[in-house]
Amino acid sequence: MLRRSCHIRLESFLNWKNAVNGRQKSNGETYTTTEKAKMCLSDATFQGLLMTTKSFIGILDYMLGLGAEYVIFLRISQDVLESFFGTNSSKRWKQ
């Protein structure tokens, strides 16, 4: 039930993004790419949110499948990964 609910919410999130991209001006004209960028999330931000949302759904499915009664998302952090990749990235640029 929870898994289905998460996927329905994810689908709603994607539908919202598509609706925003398909909006038209009151006179029927379409917005330019620049105008759309100013009124909505950037594509990079949206892709980040989408990836995070899908990851949390995956973690939730996995943990509940192992028999966990609940998952505390507050305890999940990607700081270690960001630090690791940030260090590797900076080393690459110094070479």
PDB file of N, CA and C in Angstrom:
ATOM      1  N   MET A   1       0.826  -1.202   0.000  1.00  0.00           N
ATOM      2  CA  MET A   1       0.000   0.000   0.000  1.00  0.00           C
ATOM      3  C   MET A   1       0.866   1.260   0.000  1.00  0.00           C
ATOM      4  N   LEU A   2       1.876   1.273   0.894  1.00  0.00           N
ATOM      5  CA  LEU A   2       2.760   2.431   0.980  1.00  0.00           C
ATOM      6  C   LEU A   2       3.557   2.600  -0.309  1.00  0.00           C
ATOM      7  N   ARG A   3       4.046   1.479  -0.846  1.00  0.00           N
ATOM      8  CA  ARG A   3       4.827   1.526  -2.085  1.00  0.00           C
ATOM      9  C   ARG A   3       3.990   2.132  -3.213  1.00  0.00           C
ATOM     10  N   ARG A   4       2.749   1.699  -3.334  1.00  0.00           N
ATOM     11  CA  ARG A   4       1.852   2.219  -4.374  1.00  0.00           C
ATOM     12  C   ARG A   4       1.622   3.714  -4.166  1.00  0.00           C
ATOM     13  N   SER A   5       1.438   4.118  -2.923  1.00  0.00           N
ATOM     14  CA  SER A   5       1.215   5.525  -2.601  1.00  0.00           C
ATOM     15  C   SER A   5       2.413   6.376  -3.012  1.00  0.00           C
ATOM     16  N   CYS A   6       3.621   5.869  -2.753  1.00  0.00           N
ATOM     17  CA  CYS A   6       4.836   6.605  -3.125  1.00  0.00           C
ATOM     18  C   CYS A   6       4.930   6.782  -4.631  1.00  0.00           C
ATOM     19  N   HIS A   7       4.612   5.723  -5.365  1.00  0.00           N
ATOM     20  CA  HIS A   7       4.703   5.799  -6.824  1.00  0.00           C
ATOM     21  C   HIS A   7       3.626   6.709  -7.412  1.00  0.00           C
ATOM     22  N   ILE A   8       2.458   6.744  -6.787  1.00  0.00           N
ATOM     23  CA  ILE A   8       1.407   7.660  -7.239  1.00  0.00           C
ATOM     24  C   ILE A   8       1.853   9.099  -7.018  1.00  0.00           C
ATOM     25  N   ARG A   9       2.477   9.365  -5.873  1.00  0.00           N
ATOM     26  CA  ARG A   9       2.959  10.722  -5.595  1.00  0.00           C
ATOM     27  C   ARG A   9       4.075  11.113  -6.551  1.00  0.00           C
ATOM     28  N   LEU A  10       4.954  10.179  -6.872  1.00  0.00           N
ATOM     29  CA  LEU A  10       6.020  10.447  -7.824  1.00  0.00           C
ATOM     30  C   LEU A  10       5.425  10.761  -9.190  1.00  0.00           C
ATOM     31  N   GLU A  11       4.417  10.012  -9.581  1.00  0.00           N
ATOM     32  CA  GLU A  11       3.737  10.262 -10.856  1.00  0.00           C
ATOM     33  C   GLU A  11       3.096  11.650 -10.852  1.00  0.00           C
ATOM     34  N   SER A  12       2.505  12.047  -9.735  1.00  0.00           N
ATOM     35  CA  SER A  12       1.909  13.387  -9.616  1.00  0.00           C
ATOM     36  C   SER A  12       2.968  14.465  -9.767  1.00  0.00           C
ATOM     37  N   PHE A  13       4.136  14.212  -9.197  1.00  0.00           N
ATOM     38  CA  PHE A  13       5.266  15.144  -9.292  1.00  0.00           C
ATOM     39  C   PHE A  13       5.679  15.320 -10.754  1.00  0.00           C
ATOM     40  N   LEU A  14       5.781  14.219 -11.475  1.00  0.00           N
ATOM     41  CA  LEU A  14       6.148  14.278 -12.891  1.00  0.00           C
ATOM     42  C   LEU A  14       5.059  14.961 -13.715  1.00  0.00           C
ATOM     43  N   ASN A  15       3.801  14.679 -13.408  1.00  0.00           N
ATOM     44  CA  ASN A  15       2.694  15.330 -14.113  1.00  0.00           C
ATOM     45  C   ASN A  15       2.706  16.831 -13.885  1.00  0.00           C
ATOM     46  N   TRP A  16       3.038  17.246 -12.655  1.00  0.00           N
ATOM     47  CA  TRP A  16       3.127  18.678 -12.347  1.00  0.00           C
ATOM     48  C   TRP A  16       4.184  19.334 -13.222  1.00  0.00           C
ATOM     49  N   LYS A  17       5.355  18.711 -13.330  1.00  0.00           N
ATOM     50  CA  LYS A  17       6.446  19.269 -14.139  1.00  0.00           C
ATOM     51  C   LYS A  17       6.015  19.375 -15.602  1.00  0.00           C
ATOM     52  N   ASN A  18       5.351  18.353 -16.110  1.00  0.00           N
ATOM     53  CA  ASN A  18       4.883  18.387 -17.498  1.00  0.00           C
ATOM     54  C   ASN A  18       3.837  19.478 -17.703  1.00  0.00           C
ATOM     55  N   ALA A  19       2.963  19.671 -16.717  1.00  0.00           N
ATOM     56  CA  ALA A  19       1.940  20.720 -16.814  1.00  0.00           C
ATOM     57  C   ALA A  19       2.585  22.099 -16.832  1.00  0.00           C
ATOM     58  N   VAL A  20       3.600  22.281 -16.006  1.00  0.00           N
ATOM     59  CA  VAL A  20       4.307  23.566 -15.975  1.00  0.00           C
ATOM     60  C   VAL A  20       4.981  23.814 -17.319  1.00  0.00           C
ATOM     61  N   ASN A  21       5.614  22.794 -17.867  1.00  0.00           N
ATOM     62  CA  ASN A  21       6.294  22.948 -19.156  1.00  0.00           C
ATOM     63  C   ASN A  21       5.316  23.221 -20.294  1.00  0.00           C
ATOM     64  N   GLY A  22       4.077  22.745 -20.169  1.00  0.00           N
ATOM     65  CA  GLY A  22       3.093  22.918 -21.228  1.00  0.00           C
ATOM     66  C   GLY A  22       2.219  24.155 -21.093  1.00  0.00           C
ATOM     67  N   ARG A  23       2.441  24.956 -20.047  1.00  0.00           N
ATOM     68  CA  ARG A  23       1.612  26.153 -19.838  1.00  0.00           C
ATOM     69  C   ARG A  23       1.710  27.117 -21.006  1.00  0.00           C
ATOM     70  N   GLN A  24       0.623  27.839 -21.199  1.00  0.00           N
ATOM     71  CA  GLN A  24       0.602  28.868 -22.236  1.00  0.00           C
ATOM     72  C   GLN A  24       0.202  30.198 -21.619  1.00  0.00           C
ATOM     73  N   LYS A  25       0.561  31.260 -22.316  1.00  0.00           N
ATOM     74  CA  LYS A  25       0.164  32.597 -21.876  1.00  0.00           C
ATOM     75  C   LYS A  25      -1.339  32.754 -22.066  1.00  0.00           C
ATOM     76  N   SER A  26      -1.900  33.774 -21.439  1.00  0.00           N
ATOM     77  CA  SER A  26      -3.352  33.986 -21.534  1.00  0.00           C
ATOM     78  C   SER A  26      -3.806  34.229 -22.973  1.00  0.00           C
ATOM     79  N   ASN A  27      -2.903  34.723 -23.821  1.00  0.00           N
ATOM     80  CA  ASN A  27      -3.266  34.956 -25.220  1.00  0.00           C
ATOM     81  C   ASN A  27      -3.036  33.719 -26.094  1.00  0.00           C
ATOM     82  N   GLY A  28      -2.657  32.598 -25.468  1.00  0.00           N
ATOM     83  CA  GLY A  28      -2.483  31.354 -26.208  1.00  0.00           C
ATOM     84  C   GLY A  28      -1.070  31.097 -26.696  1.00  0.00           C
ATOM     85  N   GLU A  29      -0.202  32.098 -26.603  1.00  0.00           N
ATOM     86  CA  GLU A  29       1.185  31.905 -27.037  1.00  0.00           C
ATOM     87  C   GLU A  29       1.928  31.036 -26.018  1.00  0.00           C
ATOM     88  N   THR A  30       2.953  30.367 -26.505  1.00  0.00           N
ATOM     89  CA  THR A  30       3.762  29.563 -25.586  1.00  0.00           C
ATOM     90  C   THR A  30       4.868  30.427 -24.992  1.00  0.00           C
ATOM     91  N   TYR A  31       5.277  30.066 -23.788  1.00  0.00           N
ATOM     92  CA  TYR A  31       6.370  30.778 -23.135  1.00  0.00           C
ATOM     93  C   TYR A  31       7.697  30.381 -23.769  1.00  0.00           C
ATOM     94  N   THR A  32       8.622  31.307 -23.784  1.00  0.00           N
ATOM     95  CA  THR A  32       9.959  30.990 -24.280  1.00  0.00           C
ATOM     96  C   THR A  32      10.686  30.158 -23.230  1.00  0.00           C
ATOM     97  N   THR A  33      11.771  29.549 -23.630  1.00  0.00           N
ATOM     98  CA  THR A  33      12.575  28.755 -22.699  1.00  0.00           C
ATOM     99  C   THR A  33      13.071  29.621 -21.549  1.00  0.00           C
ATOM    100  N   THR A  34      13.468  30.841 -21.837  1.00  0.00           N
ATOM    101  CA  THR A  34      13.953  31.764 -20.805  1.00  0.00           C
ATOM    102  C   THR A  34      12.846  32.110 -19.825  1.00  0.00           C
ATOM    103  N   GLU A  35      11.646  32.366 -20.334  1.00  0.00           N
ATOM    104  CA  GLU A  35      10.510  32.686 -19.461  1.00  0.00           C
ATOM    105  C   GLU A  35      10.163  31.500 -18.560  1.00  0.00           C
ATOM    106  N   LYS A  36      10.180  30.296 -19.131  1.00  0.00           N
ATOM    107  CA  LYS A  36       9.885  29.099 -18.338  1.00  0.00           C
ATOM    108  C   LYS A  36      10.923  28.903 -17.238  1.00  0.00           C
ATOM    109  N   ALA A  37      12.179  29.165 -17.568  1.00  0.00           N
ATOM    110  CA  ALA A  37      13.255  28.986 -16.586  1.00  0.00           C
ATOM    111  C   ALA A  37      13.091  29.913 -15.393  1.00  0.00           C
ATOM    112  N   LYS A  38      12.529  31.096 -15.624  1.00  0.00           N
ATOM    113  CA  LYS A  38      12.362  32.075 -14.546  1.00  0.00           C
ATOM    114  C   LYS A  38      11.199  31.744 -13.618  1.00  0.00           C
ATOM    115  N   MET A  39      10.227  30.972 -14.089  1.00  0.00           N
ATOM    116  CA  MET A  39       9.030  30.737 -13.280  1.00  0.00           C
ATOM    117  C   MET A  39       8.971  29.351 -12.656  1.00  0.00           C
ATOM    118  N   CYS A  40       9.984  28.561 -12.851  1.00  0.00           N
ATOM    119  CA  CYS A  40       9.922  27.190 -12.363  1.00  0.00           C
ATOM    120  C   CYS A  40      11.293  26.754 -11.868  1.00  0.00           C
ATOM    121  N   LEU A  41      11.358  25.535 -11.384  1.00  0.00           N
ATOM    122  CA  LEU A  41      12.632  24.951 -10.992  1.00  0.00           C
ATOM    123  C   LEU A  41      13.510  24.793 -12.221  1.00  0.00           C
ATOM    124  N   SER A  42      14.804  24.948 -12.033  1.00  0.00           N
ATOM    125  CA  SER A  42      15.705  24.676 -13.150  1.00  0.00           C
ATOM    126  C   SER A  42      15.660  23.175 -13.436  1.00  0.00           C
ATOM    127  N   ASP A  43      16.071  22.795 -14.631  1.00  0.00           N
ATOM    128  CA  ASP A  43      16.077  21.370 -14.967  1.00  0.00           C
ATOM    129  C   ASP A  43      17.017  20.596 -14.044  1.00  0.00           C
ATOM    130  N   ALA A  44      18.159  21.206 -13.695  1.00  0.00           N
ATOM    131  CA  ALA A  44      19.106  20.534 -12.797  1.00  0.00           C
ATOM    132  C   ALA A  44      18.481  20.305 -11.422  1.00  0.00           C
ATOM    133  N   THR A  45      17.772  21.316 -10.906  1.00  0.00           N
ATOM    134  CA  THR A  45      17.113  21.177  -9.607  1.00  0.00           C
ATOM    135  C   THR A  45      16.025  20.120  -9.677  1.00  0.00           C
ATOM    136  N   PHE A  46      15.234  20.150 -10.743  1.00  0.00           N
ATOM    137  CA  PHE A  46      14.169  19.158 -10.892  1.00  0.00           C
ATOM    138  C   PHE A  46      14.742  17.748 -10.972  1.00  0.00           C
ATOM    139  N   GLN A  47      15.802  17.571 -11.760  1.00  0.00           N
ATOM    140  CA  GLN A  47      16.413  16.242 -11.891  1.00  0.00           C
ATOM    141  C   GLN A  47      16.974  15.772 -10.550  1.00  0.00           C
ATOM    142  N   GLY A  48      17.546  16.696  -9.778  1.00  0.00           N
ATOM    143  CA  GLY A  48      18.039  16.355  -8.446  1.00  0.00           C
ATOM    144  C   GLY A  48      16.916  15.922  -7.522  1.00  0.00           C
ATOM    145  N   LEU A  49      15.813  16.665  -7.542  1.00  0.00           N
ATOM    146  CA  LEU A  49      14.651  16.296  -6.725  1.00  0.00           C
ATOM    147  C   LEU A  49      14.082  14.950  -7.148  1.00  0.00           C
ATOM    148  N   LEU A  50      14.018  14.738  -8.445  1.00  0.00           N
ATOM    149  CA  LEU A  50      13.488  13.478  -8.966  1.00  0.00           C
ATOM    150  C   LEU A  50      14.371  12.305  -8.541  1.00  0.00           C
ATOM    151  N   MET A  51      15.690  12.470  -8.671  1.00  0.00           N
ATOM    152  CA  MET A  51      16.606  11.405  -8.284  1.00  0.00           C
ATOM    153  C   MET A  51      16.514  11.131  -6.780  1.00  0.00           C
ATOM    154  N   THR A  52      16.440  12.194  -5.983  1.00  0.00           N
ATOM    155  CA  THR A  52      16.322  12.032  -4.532  1.00  0.00           C
ATOM    156  C   THR A  52      15.027  11.319  -4.167  1.00  0.00           C
ATOM    157  N   THR A  53      13.928  11.722  -4.806  1.00  0.00           N
ATOM    158  CA  THR A  53      12.630  11.106  -4.527  1.00  0.00           C
ATOM    159  C   THR A  53      12.642   9.624  -4.878  1.00  0.00           C
ATOM    160  N   LYS A  54      13.165   9.295  -6.059  1.00  0.00           N
ATOM    161  CA  LYS A  54      13.240   7.890  -6.469  1.00  0.00           C
ATOM    162  C   LYS A  54      14.146   7.096  -5.531  1.00  0.00           C
ATOM    163  N   SER A  55      15.231   7.717  -5.084  1.00  0.00           N
ATOM    164  CA  SER A  55      16.152   7.039  -4.168  1.00  0.00           C
ATOM    165  C   SER A  55      15.485   6.745  -2.836  1.00  0.00           C
ATOM    166  N   PHE A  56      14.750   7.722  -2.307  1.00  0.00           N
ATOM    167  CA  PHE A  56      14.051   7.501  -1.045  1.00  0.00           C
ATOM    168  C   PHE A  56      12.996   6.408  -1.178  1.00  0.00           C
ATOM    169  N   ILE A  57      12.296   6.376  -2.300  1.00  0.00           N
ATOM    170  CA  ILE A  57      11.308   5.314  -2.522  1.00  0.00           C
ATOM    171  C   ILE A  57      12.012   3.960  -2.569  1.00  0.00           C
ATOM    172  N   GLY A  58      13.155   3.907  -3.251  1.00  0.00           N
ATOM    173  CA  GLY A  58      13.925   2.662  -3.317  1.00  0.00           C
ATOM    174  C   GLY A  58      14.413   2.209  -1.952  1.00  0.00           C
ATOM    175  N   ILE A  59      14.928   3.156  -1.157  1.00  0.00           N
ATOM    176  CA  ILE A  59      15.386   2.829   0.196  1.00  0.00           C
ATOM    177  C   ILE A  59      14.223   2.328   1.037  1.00  0.00           C
ATOM    178  N   LEU A  60      13.098   3.007   0.931  1.00  0.00           N
ATOM    179  CA  LEU A  60      11.910   2.616   1.695  1.00  0.00           C
ATOM    180  C   LEU A  60      11.456   1.209   1.315  1.00  0.00           C
ATOM    181  N   ASP A  61      11.375   0.935   0.022  1.00  0.00           N
ATOM    182  CA  ASP A  61      10.996  -0.407  -0.443  1.00  0.00           C
ATOM    183  C   ASP A  61      11.958  -1.463   0.104  1.00  0.00           C
ATOM    184  N   TYR A  62      13.256  -1.171   0.015  1.00  0.00           N
ATOM    185  CA  TYR A  62      14.282  -2.120   0.457  1.00  0.00           C
ATOM    186  C   TYR A  62      14.180  -2.393   1.955  1.00  0.00           C
ATOM    187  N   MET A  63      14.119  -1.323   2.743  1.00  0.00           N
ATOM    188  CA  MET A  63      14.084  -1.472   4.202  1.00  0.00           C
ATOM    189  C   MET A  63      12.805  -2.170   4.673  1.00  0.00           C
ATOM    190  N   LEU A  64      11.677  -1.783   4.116  1.00  0.00           N
ATOM    191  CA  LEU A  64      10.420  -2.432   4.504  1.00  0.00           C
ATOM    192  C   LEU A  64      10.410  -3.894   4.064  1.00  0.00           C
ATOM    193  N   GLY A  65      11.042  -4.168   2.924  1.00  0.00           N
ATOM    194  CA  GLY A  65      11.158  -5.546   2.447  1.00  0.00           C
ATOM    195  C   GLY A  65      12.004  -6.418   3.365  1.00  0.00           C
ATOM    196  N   LEU A  66      12.950  -5.792   4.074  1.00  0.00           N
ATOM    197  CA  LEU A  66      13.777  -6.525   5.038  1.00  0.00           C
ATOM    198  C   LEU A  66      13.074  -6.712   6.377  1.00  0.00           C
ATOM    199  N   GLY A  67      11.905  -6.086   6.513  1.00  0.00           N
ATOM    200  CA  GLY A  67      11.137  -6.250   7.739  1.00  0.00           C
ATOM    201  C   GLY A  67      11.194  -5.068   8.691  1.00  0.00           C
ATOM    202  N   ALA A  68      11.793  -3.964   8.270  1.00  0.00           N
ATOM    203  CA  ALA A  68      11.830  -2.781   9.137  1.00  0.00           C
ATOM    204  C   ALA A  68      10.406  -2.282   9.369  1.00  0.00           C
ATOM    205  N   GLU A  69      10.141  -1.854  10.586  1.00  0.00           N
ATOM    206  CA  GLU A  69       8.809  -1.334  10.903  1.00  0.00           C
ATOM    207  C   GLU A  69       8.646   0.096  10.399  1.00  0.00           C
ATOM    208  N   TYR A  70       9.739   0.821  10.363  1.00  0.00           N
ATOM    209  CA  TYR A  70       9.713   2.209   9.898  1.00  0.00           C
ATOM    210  C   TYR A  70      11.122   2.600   9.458  1.00  0.00           C
ATOM    211  N   VAL A  71      11.223   3.695   8.744  1.00  0.00           N
ATOM    212  CA  VAL A  71      12.508   4.208   8.272  1.00  0.00           C
ATOM    213  C   VAL A  71      12.592   5.673   8.688  1.00  0.00           C
ATOM    214  N   ILE A  72      13.689   6.028   9.342  1.00  0.00           N
ATOM    215  CA  ILE A  72      13.891   7.412   9.771  1.00  0.00           C
ATOM    216  C   ILE A  72      14.778   8.099   8.732  1.00  0.00           C
ATOM    217  N   PHE A  73      14.171   8.842   7.845  1.00  0.00           N
ATOM    218  CA  PHE A  73      14.916   9.487   6.768  1.00  0.00           C
ATOM    219  C   PHE A  73      15.820  10.601   7.270  1.00  0.00           C
ATOM    220  N   LEU A  74      15.542  11.121   8.437  1.00  0.00           N
ATOM    221  CA  LEU A  74      16.383  12.164   9.021  1.00  0.00           C
ATOM    222  C   LEU A  74      17.817  11.673   9.202  1.00  0.00           C
ATOM    223  N   ARG A  75      17.972  10.372   9.407  1.00  0.00           N
ATOM    224  CA  ARG A  75      19.296   9.790   9.652  1.00  0.00           C
ATOM    225  C   ARG A  75      20.069   9.499   8.363  1.00  0.00           C
ATOM    226  N   ILE A  76      19.454   9.658   7.231  1.00  0.00           N
ATOM    227  CA  ILE A  76      20.114   9.382   5.955  1.00  0.00           C
ATOM    228  C   ILE A  76      20.821  10.649   5.488  1.00  0.00           C
ATOM    229  N   SER A  77      22.096  10.497   5.151  1.00  0.00           N
ATOM    230  CA  SER A  77      22.888  11.653   4.722  1.00  0.00           C
ATOM    231  C   SER A  77      23.773  11.255   3.552  1.00  0.00           C
ATOM    232  N   GLN A  78      23.947  12.167   2.633  1.00  0.00           N
ATOM    233  CA  GLN A  78      24.840  11.916   1.507  1.00  0.00           C
ATOM    234  C   GLN A  78      26.109  12.750   1.627  1.00  0.00           C
ATOM    235  N   ASP A  79      26.348  13.322   2.804  1.00  0.00           N
ATOM    236  CA  ASP A  79      27.529  14.157   3.007  1.00  0.00           C
ATOM    237  C   ASP A  79      28.827  13.412   2.712  1.00  0.00           C
ATOM    238  N   VAL A  80      28.904  12.143   3.133  1.00  0.00           N
ATOM    239  CA  VAL A  80      30.115  11.357   2.903  1.00  0.00           C
ATOM    240  C   VAL A  80      30.350  11.184   1.406  1.00  0.00           C
ATOM    241  N   LEU A  81      29.293  10.885   0.661  1.00  0.00           N
ATOM    242  CA  LEU A  81      29.424  10.737  -0.796  1.00  0.00           C
ATOM    243  C   LEU A  81      29.838  12.049  -1.448  1.00  0.00           C
ATOM    244  N   GLU A  82      29.199  13.144  -1.045  1.00  0.00           N
ATOM    245  CA  GLU A  82      29.538  14.444  -1.619  1.00  0.00           C
ATOM    246  C   GLU A  82      30.985  14.806  -1.324  1.00  0.00           C
ATOM    247  N   SER A  83      31.437  14.518  -0.116  1.00  0.00           N
ATOM    248  CA  SER A  83      32.816  14.790   0.257  1.00  0.00           C
ATOM    249  C   SER A  83      33.778  13.953  -0.587  1.00  0.00           C
ATOM    250  N   PHE A  84      33.460  12.668  -0.739  1.00  0.00           N
ATOM    251  CA  PHE A  84      34.306  11.770  -1.523  1.00  0.00           C
ATOM    252  C   PHE A  84      34.420  12.240  -2.969  1.00  0.00           C
ATOM    253  N   PHE A  85      33.276  12.495  -3.604  1.00  0.00           N
ATOM    254  CA  PHE A  85      33.300  12.899  -5.003  1.00  0.00           C
ATOM    255  C   PHE A  85      33.850  14.309  -5.167  1.00  0.00           C
ATOM    256  N   GLY A  86      33.624  15.168  -4.195  1.00  0.00           N
ATOM    257  CA  GLY A  86      34.196  16.517  -4.241  1.00  0.00           C
ATOM    258  C   GLY A  86      35.705  16.474  -4.178  1.00  0.00           C
ATOM    259  N   THR A  87      36.250  15.600  -3.324  1.00  0.00           N
ATOM    260  CA  THR A  87      37.699  15.442  -3.207  1.00  0.00           C
ATOM    261  C   THR A  87      38.269  14.889  -4.501  1.00  0.00           C
ATOM    262  N   ASN A  88      37.630  13.869  -5.055  1.00  0.00           N
ATOM    263  CA  ASN A  88      38.102  13.290  -6.319  1.00  0.00           C
ATOM    264  C   ASN A  88      38.025  14.297  -7.449  1.00  0.00           C
ATOM    265  N   SER A  89      36.970  15.070  -7.476  1.00  0.00           N
ATOM    266  CA  SER A  89      36.798  16.067  -8.528  1.00  0.00           C
ATOM    267  C   SER A  89      37.878  17.136  -8.435  1.00  0.00           C
ATOM    268  N   SER A  90      38.175  17.597  -7.222  1.00  0.00           N
ATOM    269  CA  SER A  90      39.186  18.646  -7.073  1.00  0.00           C
ATOM    270  C   SER A  90      40.567  18.112  -7.425  1.00  0.00           C
ATOM    271  N   LYS A  91      40.843  16.837  -7.135  1.00  0.00           N
ATOM    272  CA  LYS A  91      42.127  16.240  -7.513  1.00  0.00           C
ATOM    273  C   LYS A  91      42.260  16.191  -9.031  1.00  0.00           C
ATOM    274  N   ARG A  92      41.166  15.858  -9.693  1.00  0.00           N
ATOM    275  CA  ARG A  92      41.171  15.765 -11.154  1.00  0.00           C
ATOM    276  C   ARG A  92      41.476  17.120 -11.781  1.00  0.00           C
ATOM    277  N   TRP A  93      40.932  18.202 -11.210  1.00  0.00           N
ATOM    278  CA  TRP A  93      41.136  19.533 -11.775  1.00  0.00           C
ATOM    279  C   TRP A  93      42.548  20.045 -11.535  1.00  0.00           C
ATOM    280  N   LYS A  94      43.210  19.560 -10.485  1.00  0.00           N
ATOM    281  CA  LYS A  94      44.562  20.023 -10.170  1.00  0.00           C
ATOM    282  C   LYS A  94      45.600  19.400 -11.083  1.00  0.00           C
ATOM    283  N   GLN A  95      45.283  18.277 -11.704  1.00  0.00           N
ATOM    284  CA  GLN A  95      46.256  17.581 -12.561  1.00  0.00           C
ATOM    285  C   GLN A  95      46.402  18.238 -13.899  1.00  0.00           C
TER     286      GLN A  95
END
